[in-house]
Amino acid sequence: MPAHLISRERVAELLEAAASAHVVVIGDAMLDVYLNGDAERVSPEAPVPVVRVRSRREALGGAANVEQNVVALGATCTLAAALGDDDGGARVRALLTALGASDGSLVSVSRPTTTKTRIVARAQQLLRFDEEDDSDLPDTDADRVGRAALTALAGATAVVLEDYNKGVLTPRLISFVIAAAKARNIPVVVDPKYRHFFTYHGATVFKPNRRELEAALGAAVDLEHPQGMKHAFERLGCAHLLLTLGDRGMALLSADGESLVVPTTAREVYDVVGAGDTVTAYLAAMLSGGATAREAAIIANFAAGVEVGKLGAQVVRADEVLSAYDEWQSISA
């Protein structure tokens, strides 16, 4: 069990150390919109429910959600991303300002800000619609994001590349950032998507889900025999693979053949939206605080267990992680 692999004192020590971190997040920042209401009748126009909207909530999504989770730990975070010069971009900037985060590394581009709108009735998501242009940024815009990231790297303790395939992380930008981070001996955490899956050579921790990895490799992943993953590590060029396994937790595989399966610590799964962002944020913050990849994965798993018990993308605080650790330890005793 996770609680047996790391002491409470070590968890508390790493969470405290993470508060001094400066994490730089580069990637796809998004706006999440939640329209909550009641669905009590069917439309006479089509066989679909009619939702009477009672409330509207806006939240940070994607790379911006990673940032707010880092900030919730008391750490410093710089987000280098591209936002449209539109209402969605203005709302993301306003939400970041409310966090106390600077928007000085955000680049305005002539494309819409990725906005995901979810219609929810009685805590059940009925529909989501996306407004976006997910083509790769032109080199001129990608280079502007790269320059903003490079400036931020001067005081960074970890780098996150948060890829939602919305066009910010082009191969040119990915290679530039990883090379700059490696030159400064800064750990790099990657949350990939399929489009540029094999472009992240040099990453410290590469975090796909199992389905994504198997689709990219064209073969099943044998978690019982990680030593057989040598070819995969050569193709991916990373030091550690952290595979998210849904309700089975996650598995950490290392280039030296070591492995660890971390079972889920979630007591109740209410909503998985944002859980991956939380894991990514905690991985970077824990590595910043001196954690090994194994320790970072275990603590990030506790954070994910907390997050899925909340509706929508929500932050997870350090005290919530410690409480989850205590609860799991009492159950496992």
Protein backbone atom coordinates (compact mmCIF):
# COMPACT_ATOMS: atom_id res chain seq x y z
CA MET A 1 0.00 0.00 0.00
CA PRO A 2 1.24 3.56 -0.66
CA ALA A 3 1.21 4.52 3.02
CA HIS A 4 3.65 1.70 3.75
CA LEU A 5 6.17 2.98 1.20
CA ILE A 6 6.60 6.48 2.59
CA SER A 7 6.31 7.81 6.13
CA ARG A 8 3.96 10.58 7.17
CA GLU A 9 6.97 12.60 8.27
CA ARG A 10 8.46 12.34 4.78
CA VAL A 11 5.17 13.33 3.14
CA ALA A 12 4.90 16.38 5.39
CA GLU A 13 8.56 17.27 4.75
CA LEU A 14 8.13 17.15 0.97
CA LEU A 15 4.88 19.12 1.04
CA GLU A 16 6.56 21.80 3.12
CA ALA A 17 9.59 21.88 0.80
CA ALA A 18 7.30 22.20 -2.22
CA ALA A 19 6.07 25.54 -0.92
CA SER A 20 9.48 26.97 -1.87
CA ALA A 21 9.30 25.62 -5.43
CA HIS A 22 9.09 27.65 -8.62
CA VAL A 23 7.40 25.54 -11.28
CA VAL A 24 7.23 26.72 -14.88
CA VAL A 25 4.24 25.34 -16.80
CA ILE A 26 4.19 25.51 -20.58
CA GLY A 27 1.23 24.30 -22.60
CA ASP A 28 -2.45 24.56 -23.39
CA ALA A 29 -4.31 26.91 -21.05
CA MET A 30 -8.09 26.66 -21.23
CA LEU A 31 -11.26 28.08 -19.76
CA ASP A 32 -13.76 25.63 -18.25
CA VAL A 33 -17.39 26.79 -18.03
CA TYR A 34 -20.00 24.92 -16.01
CA LEU A 35 -23.70 25.60 -16.60
CA ASN A 36 -25.60 23.99 -13.75
CA GLY A 37 -29.33 23.56 -13.66
CA ASP A 38 -32.36 21.27 -13.68
CA ALA A 39 -33.59 18.94 -16.42
CA GLU A 40 -37.25 18.19 -15.80
CA ARG A 41 -38.71 17.93 -19.27
CA VAL A 42 -37.93 16.87 -22.82
CA SER A 43 -37.79 19.43 -25.60
CA PRO A 44 -40.74 19.42 -28.04
CA GLU A 45 -38.21 20.28 -30.78
CA ALA A 46 -36.02 17.18 -30.42
CA PRO A 47 -35.71 14.18 -28.07
CA VAL A 48 -33.29 15.96 -25.75
CA PRO A 49 -33.64 17.26 -22.18
CA VAL A 50 -34.30 20.94 -21.57
CA VAL A 51 -31.91 22.29 -18.94
CA ARG A 52 -32.95 25.39 -17.02
CA VAL A 53 -29.64 26.95 -16.07
CA ARG A 54 -29.50 28.06 -12.44
CA SER A 55 -25.84 29.01 -12.16
CA ARG A 56 -22.70 29.55 -14.21
CA ARG A 57 -19.19 28.86 -12.97
CA GLU A 58 -15.89 29.52 -14.71
CA ALA A 59 -12.65 27.72 -13.86
CA LEU A 60 -9.11 27.38 -15.11
CA GLY A 61 -8.44 24.34 -17.27
CA GLY A 62 -5.49 22.51 -18.77
CA ALA A 63 -2.11 24.10 -18.10
CA ALA A 64 -3.84 26.88 -16.12
CA ASN A 65 -5.34 24.25 -13.81
CA VAL A 66 -1.86 22.81 -13.25
CA GLU A 67 -0.74 26.29 -12.25
CA GLN A 68 -3.52 26.79 -9.73
CA ASN A 69 -2.73 23.44 -8.10
CA VAL A 70 0.93 24.44 -7.76
CA VAL A 71 -0.10 27.79 -6.27
CA ALA A 72 -2.44 26.00 -3.83
CA LEU A 73 0.65 24.33 -2.37
CA GLY A 74 2.07 27.75 -1.57
CA ALA A 75 4.61 27.51 -4.38
CA THR A 76 5.41 29.97 -7.15
CA CYS A 77 4.28 29.10 -10.65
CA THR A 78 4.82 30.79 -14.00
CA LEU A 79 2.52 29.85 -16.88
CA ALA A 80 3.84 30.29 -20.41
CA ALA A 81 0.93 29.81 -22.78
CA ALA A 82 -1.04 31.33 -25.65
CA LEU A 83 -4.46 32.88 -25.20
CA GLY A 84 -6.80 34.38 -27.73
CA ASP A 85 -7.45 38.11 -27.68
CA ASP A 86 -11.08 37.41 -26.79
CA ASP A 87 -13.48 37.14 -23.87
CA GLY A 88 -12.26 33.63 -23.01
CA GLY A 89 -8.68 34.85 -22.82
CA ALA A 90 -9.74 37.80 -20.66
CA ARG A 91 -11.57 35.46 -18.30
CA VAL A 92 -8.51 33.20 -17.95
CA ARG A 93 -6.34 36.23 -17.18
CA ALA A 94 -8.86 37.45 -14.61
CA LEU A 95 -8.98 34.08 -12.88
CA LEU A 96 -5.19 33.95 -12.77
CA THR A 97 -5.07 37.46 -11.32
CA ALA A 98 -7.53 36.36 -8.63
CA LEU A 99 -5.04 33.61 -7.73
CA GLY A 100 -2.32 36.19 -7.33
CA ALA A 101 -0.53 34.80 -10.39
CA SER A 102 1.21 37.01 -12.94
CA ASP A 103 0.02 36.97 -16.55
CA GLY A 104 3.30 38.39 -17.86
CA SER A 105 4.27 35.13 -19.60
CA LEU A 106 0.97 34.74 -21.48
CA VAL A 107 1.11 35.43 -25.20
CA SER A 108 -1.90 36.85 -27.08
CA VAL A 109 -2.56 35.18 -30.42
CA SER A 110 -5.11 35.58 -33.20
CA ARG A 111 -7.10 32.43 -32.45
CA PRO A 112 -9.90 31.65 -29.98
CA THR A 113 -9.06 30.70 -26.42
CA THR A 114 -9.91 27.03 -25.95
CA THR A 115 -13.15 26.97 -23.98
CA LYS A 116 -14.91 23.85 -22.75
CA THR A 117 -18.51 24.34 -21.66
CA ARG A 118 -20.21 21.60 -19.67
CA ILE A 119 -23.95 21.42 -19.05
CA VAL A 120 -24.67 19.74 -15.73
CA ALA A 121 -28.00 18.74 -14.19
CA ARG A 122 -28.19 17.20 -10.72
CA ALA A 123 -24.42 16.62 -10.69
CA GLN A 124 -24.65 14.68 -13.99
CA GLN A 125 -22.86 16.05 -17.04
CA LEU A 126 -25.27 15.96 -19.97
CA LEU A 127 -23.23 17.64 -22.69
CA ARG A 128 -19.90 19.34 -23.36
CA PHE A 129 -19.12 21.62 -26.27
CA ASP A 130 -15.68 22.96 -27.17
CA GLU A 131 -14.71 26.20 -28.88
CA GLU A 132 -11.14 26.03 -30.17
CA ASP A 133 -8.59 26.02 -32.95
CA ASP A 134 -6.30 23.09 -32.22
CA SER A 135 -3.86 23.46 -35.13
CA ASP A 136 -0.20 23.97 -34.20
CA LEU A 137 0.79 27.56 -33.49
CA PRO A 138 2.78 29.27 -36.23
CA ASP A 139 6.51 29.31 -35.47
CA THR A 140 6.41 33.05 -34.74
CA ASP A 141 3.86 32.56 -31.95
CA ALA A 142 5.50 29.37 -30.64
CA ASP A 143 8.80 31.25 -30.44
CA ARG A 144 7.13 33.99 -28.38
CA VAL A 145 5.92 31.37 -25.92
CA GLY A 146 9.43 29.87 -25.91
CA ARG A 147 11.04 33.21 -25.08
CA ALA A 148 8.59 33.71 -22.20
CA ALA A 149 9.39 30.21 -20.90
CA LEU A 150 13.13 30.79 -21.18
CA THR A 151 12.90 33.94 -19.08
CA ALA A 152 10.94 32.06 -16.42
CA LEU A 153 13.45 29.19 -16.33
CA ALA A 154 16.03 31.45 -14.66
CA GLY A 155 14.59 30.68 -11.22
CA ALA A 156 12.75 27.43 -11.91
CA THR A 157 12.96 24.24 -9.84
CA ALA A 158 10.82 22.14 -12.23
CA VAL A 159 9.23 22.40 -15.67
CA VAL A 160 5.88 21.01 -16.80
CA LEU A 161 4.91 20.48 -20.43
CA GLU A 162 1.11 20.18 -20.40
CA ASP A 163 -0.07 18.99 -23.80
CA TYR A 164 -3.77 18.80 -24.63
CA ASN A 165 -3.19 18.81 -28.40
CA LYS A 166 -4.51 22.37 -28.64
CA GLY A 167 -1.52 23.60 -30.65
CA VAL A 168 0.77 25.39 -28.18
CA LEU A 169 3.34 22.62 -27.74
CA THR A 170 4.78 22.31 -31.23
CA PRO A 171 7.80 20.02 -31.84
CA ARG A 172 9.97 23.12 -32.18
CA LEU A 173 8.86 24.52 -28.81
CA ILE A 174 9.05 21.14 -27.05
CA SER A 175 12.65 20.53 -28.12
CA PHE A 176 13.65 24.08 -27.22
CA VAL A 177 12.20 23.94 -23.69
CA ILE A 178 13.55 20.48 -22.83
CA ALA A 179 17.04 21.42 -24.04
CA ALA A 180 16.96 24.63 -21.98
CA ALA A 181 15.75 22.77 -18.87
CA LYS A 182 18.37 20.01 -19.23
CA ALA A 183 21.12 22.64 -19.59
CA ARG A 184 20.02 23.99 -16.19
CA ASN A 185 19.54 20.52 -14.62
CA ILE A 186 15.83 21.20 -14.05
CA PRO A 187 13.49 18.16 -13.92
CA VAL A 188 10.88 18.03 -16.68
CA VAL A 189 7.42 16.51 -16.21
CA VAL A 190 5.43 15.80 -19.37
CA ASP A 191 1.69 15.20 -19.65
CA PRO A 192 1.52 14.14 -23.32
CA LYS A 193 -1.13 13.61 -25.94
CA TYR A 194 -0.93 11.58 -29.12
CA ARG A 195 0.05 14.24 -31.67
CA HIS A 196 3.70 14.70 -30.61
CA PHE A 197 4.03 11.64 -28.41
CA PHE A 198 7.64 10.79 -29.30
CA THR A 199 8.95 14.36 -29.29
CA TYR A 200 9.67 14.62 -25.57
CA HIS A 201 13.16 13.09 -25.42
CA GLY A 202 14.94 14.15 -22.26
CA ALA A 203 11.89 14.24 -19.98
CA THR A 204 12.34 13.21 -16.36
CA VAL A 205 8.80 11.87 -15.92
CA PHE A 206 6.54 11.09 -18.88
CA LYS A 207 2.89 10.67 -17.79
CA PRO A 208 0.52 9.13 -20.36
CA ASN A 209 -2.35 6.87 -19.49
CA ARG A 210 -1.98 3.20 -20.36
CA ARG A 211 -4.31 3.39 -23.34
CA GLU A 212 -2.35 6.27 -24.87
CA LEU A 213 0.98 4.49 -24.41
CA GLU A 214 -0.23 1.21 -25.86
CA ALA A 215 -1.77 2.99 -28.85
CA ALA A 216 1.48 4.86 -29.49
CA LEU A 217 3.66 1.77 -29.13
CA GLY A 218 1.29 -0.50 -31.02
CA ALA A 219 1.66 -3.16 -28.31
CA ALA A 220 0.34 -4.03 -24.87
CA VAL A 221 2.34 -2.91 -21.84
CA ASP A 222 3.27 -5.74 -19.45
CA LEU A 223 3.38 -4.18 -16.00
CA GLU A 224 4.57 -7.45 -14.48
CA HIS A 225 7.79 -7.44 -16.52
CA PRO A 226 8.96 -3.82 -16.85
CA GLN A 227 12.42 -4.93 -17.93
CA GLY A 228 10.81 -5.70 -21.28
CA MET A 229 10.09 -2.00 -21.76
CA LYS A 230 13.67 -1.15 -22.81
CA HIS A 231 12.66 -0.44 -26.41
CA ALA A 232 9.82 1.82 -25.24
CA PHE A 233 12.19 3.86 -23.08
CA GLU A 234 14.61 4.19 -25.99
CA ARG A 235 11.82 5.54 -28.21
CA LEU A 236 10.45 7.87 -25.54
CA GLY A 237 13.81 9.02 -24.21
CA CYS A 238 12.58 9.56 -20.65
CA ALA A 239 13.89 8.47 -17.25
CA HIS A 240 10.52 7.43 -15.79
CA LEU A 241 7.10 6.48 -17.12
CA LEU A 242 4.11 7.15 -14.90
CA LEU A 243 1.08 5.37 -16.30
CA THR A 244 -2.32 6.35 -14.99
CA LEU A 245 -4.57 3.30 -14.73
CA GLY A 246 -7.99 4.76 -13.88
CA ASP A 247 -9.56 3.03 -10.89
CA ARG A 248 -6.43 0.86 -10.52
CA GLY A 249 -4.27 3.84 -9.57
CA MET A 250 -0.99 4.27 -11.42
CA ALA A 251 2.24 2.48 -12.26
CA LEU A 252 5.73 3.95 -12.21
CA LEU A 253 8.21 2.31 -14.58
CA SER A 254 11.85 3.39 -14.69
CA ALA A 255 14.46 3.05 -17.41
CA ASP A 256 16.54 0.83 -15.11
CA GLY A 257 13.72 -1.74 -14.98
CA GLU A 258 12.34 -0.92 -11.54
CA SER A 259 8.57 -0.62 -11.18
CA LEU A 260 5.93 0.30 -8.64
CA VAL A 261 2.16 -0.08 -8.89
CA VAL A 262 0.37 2.46 -6.69
CA PRO A 263 -3.28 1.52 -6.06
CA THR A 264 -5.91 4.22 -6.03
CA THR A 265 -6.60 5.95 -2.72
CA ALA A 266 -9.92 7.49 -3.78
CA ARG A 267 -12.79 6.68 -1.40
CA GLU A 268 -15.42 8.08 -3.78
CA VAL A 269 -15.08 9.06 -7.42
CA TYR A 270 -17.35 12.04 -8.03
CA ASP A 271 -15.73 13.61 -11.09
CA VAL A 272 -12.43 12.79 -12.84
CA VAL A 273 -12.19 16.20 -14.58
CA GLY A 274 -8.87 17.81 -13.65
CA ALA A 275 -7.40 14.80 -11.86
CA GLY A 276 -4.58 14.43 -14.39
CA ASP A 277 -3.66 18.10 -14.00
CA THR A 278 -3.48 17.63 -10.23
CA VAL A 279 -1.15 14.65 -10.60
CA THR A 280 1.11 16.62 -12.96
CA ALA A 281 1.26 19.61 -10.60
CA TYR A 282 2.13 17.45 -7.61
CA LEU A 283 4.79 15.51 -9.51
CA ALA A 284 6.57 18.75 -10.41
CA ALA A 285 6.20 20.27 -6.95
CA MET A 286 7.44 17.13 -5.19
CA LEU A 287 10.45 16.77 -7.49
CA SER A 288 11.18 20.44 -6.76
CA GLY A 289 11.16 19.63 -3.05
CA GLY A 290 13.73 16.85 -3.41
CA ALA A 291 11.44 13.83 -3.83
CA THR A 292 12.48 10.77 -5.77
CA ALA A 293 10.25 9.81 -8.69
CA ARG A 294 8.79 7.05 -6.51
CA GLU A 295 7.96 9.44 -3.66
CA ALA A 296 6.53 12.01 -6.07
CA ALA A 297 4.27 9.38 -7.67
CA ILE A 298 2.93 8.17 -4.32
CA ILE A 299 2.10 11.68 -3.09
CA ALA A 300 0.59 12.66 -6.46
CA ASN A 301 -1.60 9.57 -6.23
CA PHE A 302 -2.97 10.73 -2.88
CA ALA A 303 -3.66 14.16 -4.39
CA ALA A 304 -5.56 12.54 -7.28
CA GLY A 305 -7.64 10.55 -4.81
CA VAL A 306 -8.71 13.81 -3.19
CA GLU A 307 -9.42 15.60 -6.47
CA VAL A 308 -11.78 13.00 -7.94
CA GLY A 309 -14.00 13.42 -4.88
CA LYS A 310 -14.75 17.01 -5.98
CA LEU A 311 -17.00 18.32 -8.76
CA GLY A 312 -15.08 19.72 -11.72
CA ALA A 313 -11.45 20.77 -11.82
CA GLN A 314 -10.56 21.74 -8.25
CA VAL A 315 -7.31 22.41 -6.42
CA VAL A 316 -5.93 20.05 -3.79
CA ARG A 317 -4.21 21.57 -0.76
CA ALA A 318 -1.31 20.09 1.19
CA ASP A 319 -3.45 19.54 4.31
CA GLU A 320 -5.95 17.54 2.23
CA VAL A 321 -3.15 15.25 1.04
CA LEU A 322 -1.98 14.68 4.61
CA SER A 323 -5.56 13.93 5.68
CA ALA A 324 -5.91 11.44 2.82
CA TYR A 325 -2.64 9.82 3.91
CA ASP A 326 -3.86 9.52 7.50
CA GLU A 327 -7.19 8.05 6.39
CA TRP A 328 -5.56 5.52 4.10
CA GLN A 329 -3.07 4.51 6.79
CA SER A 330 -5.86 3.95 9.32
CA ILE A 331 -7.76 1.79 6.82
CA SER A 332 -4.65 -0.19 5.90
CA ALA A 333 -3.55 -0.78 9.50
